[in-house]
Amino acid sequence: MTTTPLRKDAARNWDRIVSVARDLVDRGEPLHLNDVARRAGLGVGTVYRHFPTPEALLETVAAPCLEALAAHGEQALADTEPWRAFEGFLLRTVEAQVSDASLAPVNAAAEDALPRTAELKRSLRSAGAALLDRARDAGAVRPDLAATDLVPLLCGIAHAVDVHGGTPADRTDTARRYLAALLGGLRAAPPTG
């Protein structure tokens, strides 16, 4: 969350806080800053100096995943084949949703605690909309699909995987299978001759 370089001890504390938070998120436990401080072996004030709210800490935990998705969105925009670029972006997004427990609550939040989170989410929405527009313009995607439909559809897949995904090892394969079914429904119907 900080923008200036941290002293070595402060950087170690920051890393420890984020590591504890990552572990809690991965185990499905809520982030309470007092609990994070206790588990990290730090004073509560130290945690609050780095992260004033649990939301800021959660967004920090999610940041590497969001950054990787934003970078992938930029790469997908450089792909000259519209359907492949769109499909690849959605696949990477769904895989991230089912493998990183911090992503869903950060994406679902009505407001962002950190400006960087808002920037990354805008970048992802923009890339998704541009990829959809390109695929639609190429006749690869049905014309009635709106960019605002993408997030709910992908969240639906992530929720279905949470409920029916099987073992943790099966989750990504299940998500890919559900996405393939969704993409089959999103493809434009071939022209009738």
Protein backbone atom coordinates (compact mmCIF):
# COMPACT_ATOMS: atom_id res chain seq x y z
CA MET A 1 0.00 0.00 0.00
CA THR A 2 2.91 2.35 0.63
CA THR A 3 4.49 4.21 -2.26
CA THR A 4 7.80 5.25 -0.72
CA PRO A 5 10.57 2.71 -0.14
CA LEU A 6 10.30 1.12 3.28
CA ARG A 7 13.07 0.65 5.80
CA LYS A 8 14.26 -2.95 5.96
CA ASP A 9 12.39 -3.70 9.18
CA ALA A 10 9.22 -2.03 7.89
CA ALA A 11 9.49 -3.99 4.63
CA ARG A 12 9.86 -7.25 6.59
CA ASN A 13 6.80 -6.35 8.64
CA TRP A 14 4.82 -5.51 5.48
CA ASP A 15 5.82 -8.83 3.91
CA ARG A 16 4.90 -10.71 7.10
CA ILE A 17 1.48 -9.01 7.26
CA VAL A 18 0.72 -9.77 3.62
CA SER A 19 1.90 -13.38 4.01
CA VAL A 20 -0.36 -13.95 7.02
CA ALA A 21 -3.27 -12.31 5.19
CA ARG A 22 -2.65 -14.45 2.11
CA ASP A 23 -2.75 -17.57 4.26
CA LEU A 24 -6.00 -16.49 5.95
CA VAL A 25 -7.65 -15.68 2.61
CA ASP A 26 -6.54 -18.99 1.12
CA ARG A 27 -8.09 -20.80 4.08
CA GLY A 28 -11.34 -18.86 3.71
CA GLU A 29 -10.95 -17.02 7.00
CA PRO A 30 -11.94 -13.36 7.39
CA LEU A 31 -9.28 -10.68 7.62
CA HIS A 32 -9.39 -8.95 10.99
CA LEU A 33 -6.41 -6.65 11.43
CA ASN A 34 -6.03 -7.48 15.13
CA ASP A 35 -5.93 -11.19 14.27
CA VAL A 36 -3.44 -10.57 11.47
CA ALA A 37 -1.22 -8.65 13.89
CA ARG A 38 -1.35 -11.45 16.47
CA ARG A 39 -0.57 -14.15 13.87
CA ALA A 40 2.25 -12.06 12.38
CA GLY A 41 3.72 -11.45 15.83
CA LEU A 42 3.42 -7.70 15.40
CA GLY A 43 1.74 -4.88 17.22
CA VAL A 44 -1.69 -3.84 16.05
CA GLY A 45 -0.41 -0.32 15.38
CA THR A 46 2.18 -1.69 12.98
CA VAL A 47 -0.51 -3.46 10.94
CA TYR A 48 -2.76 -0.38 10.93
CA ARG A 49 0.13 1.85 9.82
CA HIS A 50 0.58 -0.31 6.74
CA PHE A 51 -3.09 -1.18 6.14
CA PRO A 52 -5.73 1.13 7.62
CA THR A 53 -8.59 -1.25 6.75
CA PRO A 54 -9.05 -4.97 6.11
CA GLU A 55 -10.18 -4.04 2.59
CA ALA A 56 -6.84 -2.35 1.89
CA LEU A 57 -5.04 -5.48 3.08
CA LEU A 58 -7.27 -7.76 1.00
CA GLU A 59 -6.69 -5.62 -2.09
CA THR A 60 -2.94 -5.81 -1.46
CA VAL A 61 -3.20 -9.59 -1.30
CA ALA A 62 -5.15 -9.59 -4.59
CA ALA A 63 -2.86 -7.10 -6.36
CA PRO A 64 -0.40 -9.60 -7.90
CA CYS A 65 -3.28 -11.56 -9.45
CA LEU A 66 -4.96 -8.38 -10.72
CA GLU A 67 -1.67 -7.16 -12.15
CA ALA A 68 -1.09 -10.45 -13.95
CA LEU A 69 -4.61 -10.36 -15.38
CA ALA A 70 -4.18 -6.76 -16.53
CA ALA A 71 -0.90 -7.70 -18.23
CA HIS A 72 -2.60 -10.65 -19.89
CA GLY A 73 -5.38 -8.31 -21.07
CA GLU A 74 -2.78 -6.12 -22.77
CA GLN A 75 -1.23 -9.19 -24.42
CA ALA A 76 -4.65 -10.39 -25.57
CA LEU A 77 -5.33 -7.00 -27.16
CA ALA A 78 -2.17 -7.49 -29.23
CA ASP A 79 -3.45 -10.83 -30.58
CA THR A 80 -4.71 -10.34 -34.13
CA GLU A 81 -7.25 -13.20 -33.95
CA PRO A 82 -10.33 -11.77 -32.19
CA TRP A 83 -11.94 -15.00 -30.99
CA ARG A 84 -8.69 -16.52 -29.71
CA ALA A 85 -7.85 -13.29 -27.86
CA PHE A 86 -11.32 -13.06 -26.29
CA GLU A 87 -11.39 -16.75 -25.35
CA GLY A 88 -7.87 -16.64 -23.89
CA PHE A 89 -8.65 -13.58 -21.79
CA LEU A 90 -11.81 -15.17 -20.38
CA LEU A 91 -9.98 -18.43 -19.70
CA ARG A 92 -7.19 -16.69 -17.81
CA THR A 93 -9.74 -14.68 -15.83
CA VAL A 94 -11.78 -17.73 -14.83
CA GLU A 95 -8.65 -19.66 -13.87
CA ALA A 96 -7.60 -16.77 -11.63
CA GLN A 97 -11.05 -16.56 -10.05
CA VAL A 98 -11.02 -20.21 -9.01
CA SER A 99 -7.38 -20.30 -7.91
CA ASP A 100 -7.07 -17.02 -5.99
CA ALA A 101 -9.56 -16.61 -3.16
CA SER A 102 -8.82 -12.89 -2.83
CA LEU A 103 -10.08 -12.06 -6.31
CA ALA A 104 -13.84 -12.58 -5.90
CA PRO A 105 -14.36 -10.32 -2.87
CA VAL A 106 -12.16 -7.61 -4.36
CA ASN A 107 -14.06 -7.72 -7.65
CA ALA A 108 -17.40 -7.76 -5.84
CA ALA A 109 -16.62 -4.77 -3.62
CA ALA A 110 -18.76 -1.72 -4.32
CA GLU A 111 -15.82 0.57 -3.57
CA ASP A 112 -12.08 0.11 -3.74
CA ALA A 113 -9.86 0.96 -0.78
CA LEU A 114 -6.77 1.54 -2.90
CA PRO A 115 -6.41 3.65 -6.06
CA ARG A 116 -4.24 0.92 -7.64
CA THR A 117 -7.07 -1.58 -7.27
CA ALA A 118 -9.50 0.76 -9.01
CA GLU A 119 -6.96 1.32 -11.80
CA LEU A 120 -6.41 -2.43 -12.32
CA LYS A 121 -10.13 -3.18 -12.31
CA ARG A 122 -10.73 -0.42 -14.89
CA SER A 123 -7.95 -1.88 -17.03
CA LEU A 124 -9.52 -5.34 -16.87
CA ARG A 125 -13.01 -4.05 -17.73
CA SER A 126 -11.58 -2.01 -20.59
CA ALA A 127 -9.62 -4.95 -21.99
CA GLY A 128 -12.64 -7.25 -21.71
CA ALA A 129 -14.90 -4.73 -23.45
CA ALA A 130 -12.36 -4.11 -26.23
CA LEU A 131 -11.82 -7.84 -26.77
CA LEU A 132 -15.56 -8.43 -26.86
CA ASP A 133 -16.07 -5.58 -29.34
CA ARG A 134 -13.36 -6.98 -31.61
CA ALA A 135 -14.83 -10.48 -31.46
CA ARG A 136 -18.32 -9.13 -32.10
CA ASP A 137 -17.11 -6.97 -35.02
CA ALA A 138 -15.42 -10.05 -36.50
CA GLY A 139 -18.73 -11.93 -36.31
CA ALA A 140 -17.34 -14.43 -33.80
CA VAL A 141 -19.59 -13.49 -30.86
CA ARG A 142 -23.34 -13.15 -30.78
CA PRO A 143 -24.39 -9.52 -31.19
CA ASP A 144 -26.58 -9.32 -28.08
CA LEU A 145 -23.71 -9.96 -25.62
CA ALA A 146 -22.83 -6.76 -23.75
CA ALA A 147 -19.55 -6.01 -22.01
CA THR A 148 -21.49 -5.63 -18.75
CA ASP A 149 -22.53 -9.29 -19.10
CA LEU A 150 -18.97 -10.59 -18.85
CA VAL A 151 -18.32 -10.11 -15.13
CA PRO A 152 -21.61 -11.70 -14.00
CA LEU A 153 -21.12 -14.63 -16.38
CA LEU A 154 -17.58 -15.27 -15.18
CA CYS A 155 -18.63 -14.84 -11.55
CA GLY A 156 -21.37 -17.39 -12.21
CA ILE A 157 -18.75 -19.89 -13.37
CA ALA A 158 -16.58 -19.19 -10.33
CA HIS A 159 -19.58 -19.66 -8.03
CA ALA A 160 -20.55 -22.90 -9.77
CA VAL A 161 -16.99 -24.17 -9.33
CA ASP A 162 -17.12 -23.22 -5.64
CA VAL A 163 -20.29 -25.28 -5.25
CA HIS A 164 -19.63 -28.15 -7.66
CA GLY A 165 -15.93 -27.94 -8.52
CA GLY A 166 -14.79 -31.07 -6.78
CA THR A 167 -11.44 -31.32 -5.10
CA PRO A 168 -9.06 -28.37 -5.12
CA ALA A 169 -7.06 -30.15 -7.82
CA ASP A 170 -10.19 -30.44 -10.00
CA ARG A 171 -11.29 -26.80 -9.71
CA THR A 172 -9.37 -25.43 -12.69
CA ASP A 173 -10.44 -28.27 -14.97
CA THR A 174 -14.05 -27.81 -13.88
CA ALA A 175 -13.81 -24.05 -14.54
CA ARG A 176 -12.38 -24.69 -18.01
CA ARG A 177 -15.20 -27.11 -18.79
CA TYR A 178 -17.87 -24.65 -17.62
CA LEU A 179 -16.24 -21.84 -19.59
CA ALA A 180 -16.12 -23.99 -22.73
CA ALA A 181 -19.88 -24.57 -22.40
CA LEU A 182 -20.46 -20.84 -21.89
CA LEU A 183 -18.28 -19.92 -24.85
CA GLY A 184 -20.20 -22.35 -27.02
CA GLY A 185 -23.32 -20.35 -26.23
CA LEU A 186 -21.59 -17.03 -26.86
CA ARG A 187 -20.34 -17.90 -30.33
CA ALA A 188 -22.21 -16.29 -33.15
CA ALA A 189 -24.38 -18.66 -35.11
CA PRO A 190 -22.80 -19.50 -38.44
CA PRO A 191 -24.56 -17.83 -41.35
CA THR A 192 -27.23 -19.97 -42.93
CA GLY A 193 -26.78 -20.48 -46.60
